[in-house]
Amino acid sequence: MSQLIFDHVHKRYGDTVALDGVSLEVEAGEVFGLLGPNGAGKTTLIRILMDVIRPDRGTISLFGQRHRRSHLERVGYLPEERGLYVKHKVLEVMTYLGALKGLRRAEARRRSLAWLERLELAHTARWKIERLSKGMSQKVQIAASLLGDPELAVLDEPFSGLDPVNVRLVETLIEERRAAGHATILSTHQMDRVEALCDRVAMIHRGRRVVYGPVGEVRRRYSLPEVRIESPDPLPALPGVERSAREGDGAYRLLLAGDVEPQAVLAELVRQGVRVDRFERVLAPMEDIFIRVVEGA
């Protein structure tokens, strides 16, 4: 089921076109990557979702219904522009934010304490926000955005300021949401996190959707016809191979002619009695795709 649908959404700021007919869907139980360079239109799209601004044209559906402000109680949001009440205590702020999402105060406090324990921040419950390190503050805001167990969470650069241990912790939280059937929109410039976490992606550039689909499909679409082969045997000459190179670890990397299927190469190796320990298609990294699309637009 689609948790969120943008249908031909347009938005202008004077002469500047921020969104030019953007359409996309986010399904329940998926991690959806919202990608694009700075100024591409991602923030405008998120602000429309959060009812901060209205589109000029197009429709937005949430949870199978026309977008209404009341739906936002079921949406968690971690904005890129961080903002906590720095003179107040951590537990007070989290409880307050939970109450804004419709939780009873006692329940908001209970959940806040549980989240602080989960994120190894229980000792900070009575600290003022201003005492927190950047990484601690980031984790508090992530917890606040997920406090109500939202059906849809929008996380804008959630890994900012986190060390590798806490990056993995946040990844686990996102994976747990997927397992529970909840949707997560991940807006980030960290393409390695996109590859590791996202099921599908949309890339926005100059207000238009320029890439859309499952991560594996997108990577295949933008990849050269290359395969990587691990074998203890020397490789014979193979039909349809334009270039062959040996990598540092001894594996072979083959560039195929455009009309040659990788499986045909594997079949030929087997036919010639070559031992193949590993055979895989070489997929373009999402970072390379991002750069290629943006620079080629």
Protein backbone atom coordinates (compact mmCIF):
# COMPACT_ATOMS: atom_id res chain seq x y z
CA MET A 1 0.00 0.00 0.00
CA SER A 2 1.23 3.49 -0.82
CA GLN A 3 1.78 5.58 2.30
CA LEU A 4 2.57 8.72 0.32
CA ILE A 5 1.81 9.80 -3.24
CA PHE A 6 2.95 13.00 -4.94
CA ASP A 7 1.06 13.37 -8.21
CA HIS A 8 2.41 15.96 -10.69
CA VAL A 9 3.30 18.47 -7.98
CA HIS A 10 4.32 21.98 -9.08
CA LYS A 11 5.71 24.86 -7.03
CA ARG A 12 7.18 28.20 -8.06
CA TYR A 13 8.81 30.98 -6.04
CA GLY A 14 8.41 34.00 -8.29
CA ASP A 15 10.34 33.19 -11.47
CA THR A 16 12.06 30.19 -9.90
CA VAL A 17 10.57 26.77 -10.60
CA ALA A 18 11.16 24.69 -7.45
CA LEU A 19 9.10 21.66 -8.51
CA ASP A 20 8.08 20.90 -12.07
CA GLY A 21 5.48 18.14 -12.08
CA VAL A 22 7.12 15.75 -9.61
CA SER A 23 5.41 12.40 -9.08
CA LEU A 24 6.50 9.60 -6.77
CA GLU A 25 5.12 7.00 -4.38
CA VAL A 26 6.43 5.69 -1.07
CA GLU A 27 5.22 2.23 -0.04
CA ALA A 28 4.62 0.83 3.43
CA GLY A 29 7.61 -1.07 4.77
CA GLU A 30 10.22 0.47 2.50
CA VAL A 31 13.17 2.80 2.88
CA PHE A 32 12.88 5.39 0.13
CA GLY A 33 15.86 7.54 -0.82
CA LEU A 34 15.08 11.14 -1.75
CA LEU A 35 18.20 12.36 -3.53
CA GLY A 36 19.44 15.42 -5.34
CA PRO A 37 21.97 18.25 -5.18
CA ASN A 38 21.47 21.30 -3.01
CA GLY A 39 18.68 23.48 -4.38
CA ALA A 40 17.17 20.64 -6.42
CA GLY A 41 13.71 20.83 -4.84
CA LYS A 42 13.93 18.14 -2.14
CA THR A 43 13.33 20.54 0.72
CA THR A 44 10.35 22.08 -1.07
CA LEU A 45 8.88 18.60 -1.53
CA ILE A 46 9.33 17.81 2.17
CA ARG A 47 7.85 21.16 3.22
CA ILE A 48 4.79 20.46 1.10
CA LEU A 49 4.44 17.05 2.76
CA MET A 50 4.70 18.64 6.21
CA ASP A 51 2.11 21.30 5.24
CA VAL A 52 4.58 24.14 5.72
CA ILE A 53 3.84 25.37 2.19
CA ARG A 54 1.20 24.50 -0.39
CA PRO A 55 1.80 23.34 -3.96
CA ASP A 56 0.64 25.47 -6.86
CA ARG A 57 -0.72 22.39 -8.65
CA GLY A 58 -0.83 18.66 -8.15
CA THR A 59 -2.13 16.42 -5.38
CA ILE A 60 -0.65 14.72 -2.33
CA SER A 61 -2.12 11.62 -0.70
CA LEU A 62 -1.18 10.28 2.73
CA PHE A 63 -2.18 6.85 4.01
CA GLY A 64 -4.60 6.34 1.14
CA GLN A 65 -6.44 9.63 1.60
CA ARG A 66 -6.15 13.19 0.35
CA HIS A 67 -3.52 15.02 2.40
CA ARG A 68 -4.91 16.60 5.57
CA ARG A 69 -2.99 18.29 8.36
CA SER A 70 -4.41 15.79 10.86
CA HIS A 71 -2.47 13.04 9.05
CA LEU A 72 0.79 14.57 10.23
CA GLU A 73 0.34 13.06 13.69
CA ARG A 74 1.28 9.80 11.96
CA VAL A 75 4.41 11.31 10.36
CA GLY A 76 7.76 11.71 12.09
CA TYR A 77 10.10 14.40 10.82
CA LEU A 78 13.80 15.03 11.36
CA PRO A 79 14.50 18.37 9.63
CA GLU A 80 17.87 19.25 8.15
CA GLU A 81 17.75 22.54 10.05
CA ARG A 82 18.15 21.24 13.59
CA GLY A 83 16.36 23.03 16.40
CA LEU A 84 15.92 22.05 20.04
CA TYR A 85 15.10 24.17 23.04
CA VAL A 86 18.68 24.48 24.26
CA LYS A 87 17.88 25.92 27.70
CA HIS A 88 15.51 23.07 28.56
CA LYS A 89 16.27 19.55 29.75
CA VAL A 90 16.44 16.62 27.37
CA LEU A 91 13.57 14.64 28.91
CA GLU A 92 11.34 17.73 29.12
CA VAL A 93 11.87 18.54 25.45
CA MET A 94 11.29 14.99 24.26
CA THR A 95 8.14 14.65 26.37
CA TYR A 96 6.83 17.93 24.98
CA LEU A 97 7.52 16.88 21.39
CA GLY A 98 5.81 13.54 22.01
CA ALA A 99 2.74 15.33 23.36
CA LEU A 100 2.64 17.44 20.19
CA LYS A 101 2.26 14.17 18.27
CA GLY A 102 -0.83 13.26 20.26
CA LEU A 103 0.72 11.14 23.01
CA ARG A 104 -0.52 11.51 26.57
CA ARG A 105 2.13 13.22 28.65
CA ALA A 106 2.84 10.16 30.81
CA GLU A 107 3.16 7.96 27.72
CA ALA A 108 5.39 10.52 26.01
CA ARG A 109 7.64 10.57 29.07
CA ARG A 110 7.76 6.76 29.26
CA ARG A 111 8.67 6.46 25.58
CA SER A 112 11.26 9.23 25.88
CA LEU A 113 13.02 7.40 28.71
CA ALA A 114 12.94 4.15 26.71
CA TRP A 115 14.43 5.87 23.66
CA LEU A 116 17.16 7.52 25.72
CA GLU A 117 18.04 4.11 27.15
CA ARG A 118 18.08 2.57 23.67
CA LEU A 119 20.39 5.29 22.35
CA GLU A 120 22.71 5.09 25.38
CA LEU A 121 21.68 8.56 26.49
CA ALA A 122 19.78 7.73 29.70
CA HIS A 123 22.38 9.65 31.71
CA THR A 124 21.52 12.85 29.81
CA ALA A 125 17.79 12.89 30.67
CA ARG A 126 18.19 15.82 33.06
CA TRP A 127 20.90 17.62 31.14
CA LYS A 128 20.09 20.84 29.37
CA ILE A 129 20.16 20.45 25.60
CA GLU A 130 23.04 22.94 25.32
CA ARG A 131 25.28 20.51 27.22
CA LEU A 132 24.95 17.79 24.58
CA SER A 133 27.63 17.10 22.00
CA LYS A 134 26.68 17.36 18.33
CA GLY A 135 26.30 13.59 18.04
CA MET A 136 24.23 13.37 21.23
CA SER A 137 21.96 16.18 20.06
CA GLN A 138 21.50 14.42 16.73
CA LYS A 139 20.45 11.19 18.45
CA VAL A 140 17.99 13.05 20.68
CA GLN A 141 16.36 14.62 17.63
CA ILE A 142 16.19 11.28 15.82
CA ALA A 143 14.53 9.77 18.89
CA ALA A 144 12.07 12.67 19.06
CA SER A 145 11.13 12.16 15.40
CA LEU A 146 10.41 8.45 16.02
CA LEU A 147 8.82 8.83 19.45
CA GLY A 148 5.26 8.28 18.26
CA ASP A 149 6.21 5.17 16.24
CA PRO A 150 5.14 6.98 13.06
CA GLU A 151 3.86 5.07 10.03
CA LEU A 152 5.95 7.39 7.86
CA ALA A 153 9.21 9.01 8.96
CA VAL A 154 11.10 11.67 7.01
CA LEU A 155 14.76 11.72 8.03
CA ASP A 156 16.77 14.54 6.49
CA GLU A 157 20.52 13.85 6.81
CA PRO A 158 20.11 11.61 9.89
CA PHE A 159 23.78 10.54 9.92
CA SER A 160 25.16 14.07 10.23
CA GLY A 161 27.55 14.38 13.17
CA LEU A 162 27.49 10.68 14.05
CA ASP A 163 30.51 8.43 14.52
CA PRO A 164 30.56 4.99 12.82
CA VAL A 165 29.12 3.21 15.88
CA ASN A 166 26.13 5.53 16.02
CA VAL A 167 25.71 5.46 12.23
CA ARG A 168 25.25 1.70 12.56
CA LEU A 169 22.81 2.22 15.45
CA VAL A 170 20.64 4.55 13.35
CA GLU A 171 20.82 2.13 10.43
CA THR A 172 19.47 -0.56 12.74
CA LEU A 173 16.57 1.69 13.77
CA ILE A 174 15.71 2.26 10.12
CA GLU A 175 15.91 -1.46 9.35
CA GLU A 176 13.64 -2.21 12.32
CA ARG A 177 11.08 0.24 10.97
CA ARG A 178 11.11 -1.57 7.64
CA ALA A 179 10.62 -4.93 9.38
CA ALA A 180 7.63 -3.45 11.25
CA GLY A 181 6.02 -2.35 7.98
CA HIS A 182 6.68 1.37 8.46
CA ALA A 183 7.91 3.63 5.66
CA THR A 184 11.01 5.81 5.94
CA ILE A 185 12.08 8.59 3.58
CA LEU A 186 15.83 9.04 3.77
CA SER A 187 17.14 12.31 2.37
CA THR A 188 20.92 12.26 2.33
CA HIS A 189 24.03 12.99 0.29
CA GLN A 190 25.75 9.88 1.67
CA MET A 191 25.36 7.55 -1.29
CA ASP A 192 26.93 4.59 0.50
CA ARG A 193 24.07 4.77 3.04
CA VAL A 194 21.60 4.87 0.15
CA GLU A 195 23.08 1.66 -1.30
CA ALA A 196 23.05 -0.05 2.09
CA LEU A 197 19.55 0.94 3.21
CA CYS A 198 17.22 2.06 0.45
CA ASP A 199 14.80 -0.12 -1.46
CA ARG A 200 13.91 2.55 -4.03
CA VAL A 201 15.07 6.07 -4.83
CA ALA A 202 13.98 9.23 -6.56
CA MET A 203 16.52 11.85 -7.61
CA ILE A 204 15.31 15.42 -8.03
CA HIS A 205 17.31 17.88 -10.12
CA ARG A 206 16.24 21.38 -11.11
CA GLY A 207 12.76 20.64 -9.84
CA ARG A 208 12.24 17.50 -11.91
CA ARG A 209 12.37 13.82 -11.11
CA VAL A 210 15.31 12.55 -13.15
CA VAL A 211 15.89 9.10 -11.63
CA TYR A 212 13.27 6.80 -10.10
CA GLY A 213 13.11 3.12 -9.25
CA PRO A 214 14.57 0.26 -7.19
CA VAL A 215 18.20 0.83 -6.22
CA GLY A 216 19.45 -2.32 -7.97
CA GLU A 217 17.58 -1.46 -11.16
CA VAL A 218 18.91 2.12 -11.14
CA ARG A 219 22.47 0.88 -10.66
CA ARG A 220 22.12 -1.62 -13.51
CA ARG A 221 20.62 1.03 -15.79
CA TYR A 222 23.64 3.33 -15.35
CA SER A 223 26.34 0.63 -15.32
CA LEU A 224 28.76 -0.35 -18.05
CA PRO A 225 28.41 -3.97 -19.28
CA GLU A 226 31.14 -5.23 -16.97
CA VAL A 227 31.59 -8.47 -15.05
CA ARG A 228 34.02 -9.47 -12.32
CA ILE A 229 35.33 -13.03 -12.22
CA GLU A 230 37.29 -14.80 -9.50
CA SER A 231 39.10 -17.86 -10.86
CA PRO A 232 42.40 -19.64 -10.14
CA ASP A 233 42.68 -20.44 -13.86
CA PRO A 234 43.94 -18.12 -16.61
CA LEU A 235 41.05 -16.84 -18.67
CA PRO A 236 40.97 -17.83 -22.34
CA ALA A 237 40.04 -15.45 -25.12
CA LEU A 238 36.28 -15.02 -24.99
CA PRO A 239 33.95 -13.84 -27.74
CA GLY A 240 32.19 -10.57 -27.00
CA VAL A 241 34.81 -9.30 -24.54
CA GLU A 242 36.12 -5.87 -25.50
CA ARG A 243 38.61 -5.46 -22.67
CA SER A 244 40.03 -7.63 -19.91
CA ALA A 245 42.04 -6.47 -16.90
CA ARG A 246 43.47 -8.12 -13.78
CA GLU A 247 42.66 -6.48 -10.46
CA GLY A 248 44.97 -6.27 -7.47
CA ASP A 249 43.36 -9.25 -5.74
CA GLY A 250 43.78 -11.40 -8.84
CA ALA A 251 40.19 -11.17 -10.02
CA TYR A 252 39.42 -10.46 -13.67
CA ARG A 253 37.33 -7.52 -14.81
CA LEU A 254 35.81 -7.82 -18.28
CA LEU A 255 34.11 -5.16 -20.36
CA LEU A 256 31.55 -6.79 -22.65
CA ALA A 257 30.23 -5.68 -25.99
CA GLY A 258 26.86 -4.00 -25.64
CA ASP A 259 24.87 -6.93 -27.07
CA VAL A 260 26.57 -9.65 -24.99
CA GLU A 261 24.75 -11.06 -21.97
CA PRO A 262 26.86 -11.83 -18.87
CA GLN A 263 25.30 -15.29 -18.64
CA ALA A 264 26.64 -16.10 -22.11
CA VAL A 265 30.18 -15.34 -20.91
CA LEU A 266 29.70 -17.54 -17.86
CA ALA A 267 28.35 -20.37 -20.02
CA GLU A 268 31.38 -20.13 -22.31
CA LEU A 269 33.77 -20.29 -19.35
CA VAL A 270 32.03 -23.40 -18.04
CA ARG A 271 32.08 -24.95 -21.53
CA GLN A 272 35.84 -24.43 -21.71
CA GLY A 273 36.36 -26.02 -18.30
CA VAL A 274 37.45 -22.85 -16.48
CA ARG A 275 36.88 -22.99 -12.74
CA VAL A 276 34.77 -20.01 -11.65
CA ASP A 277 34.68 -19.25 -7.92
CA ARG A 278 32.72 -16.03 -8.25
CA PHE A 279 30.98 -14.29 -11.15
CA GLU A 280 29.13 -11.00 -10.75
CA ARG A 281 27.91 -8.01 -12.67
CA VAL A 282 29.80 -4.82 -11.78
CA LEU A 283 27.26 -2.19 -10.79
CA ALA A 284 27.92 1.54 -10.83
CA PRO A 285 28.07 3.08 -7.33
CA MET A 286 25.20 5.44 -6.52
CA GLU A 287 27.73 8.24 -6.01
CA ASP A 288 28.93 7.88 -9.62
CA ILE A 289 25.34 7.87 -10.86
CA PHE A 290 24.54 10.98 -8.82
CA ILE A 291 27.50 12.86 -10.29
CA ARG A 292 26.81 11.66 -13.83
CA VAL A 293 23.15 12.68 -13.73
CA VAL A 294 23.80 16.09 -12.17
CA GLU A 295 26.77 16.99 -14.39
CA GLY A 296 25.07 15.65 -17.51
CA ALA A 297 21.79 17.51 -16.96
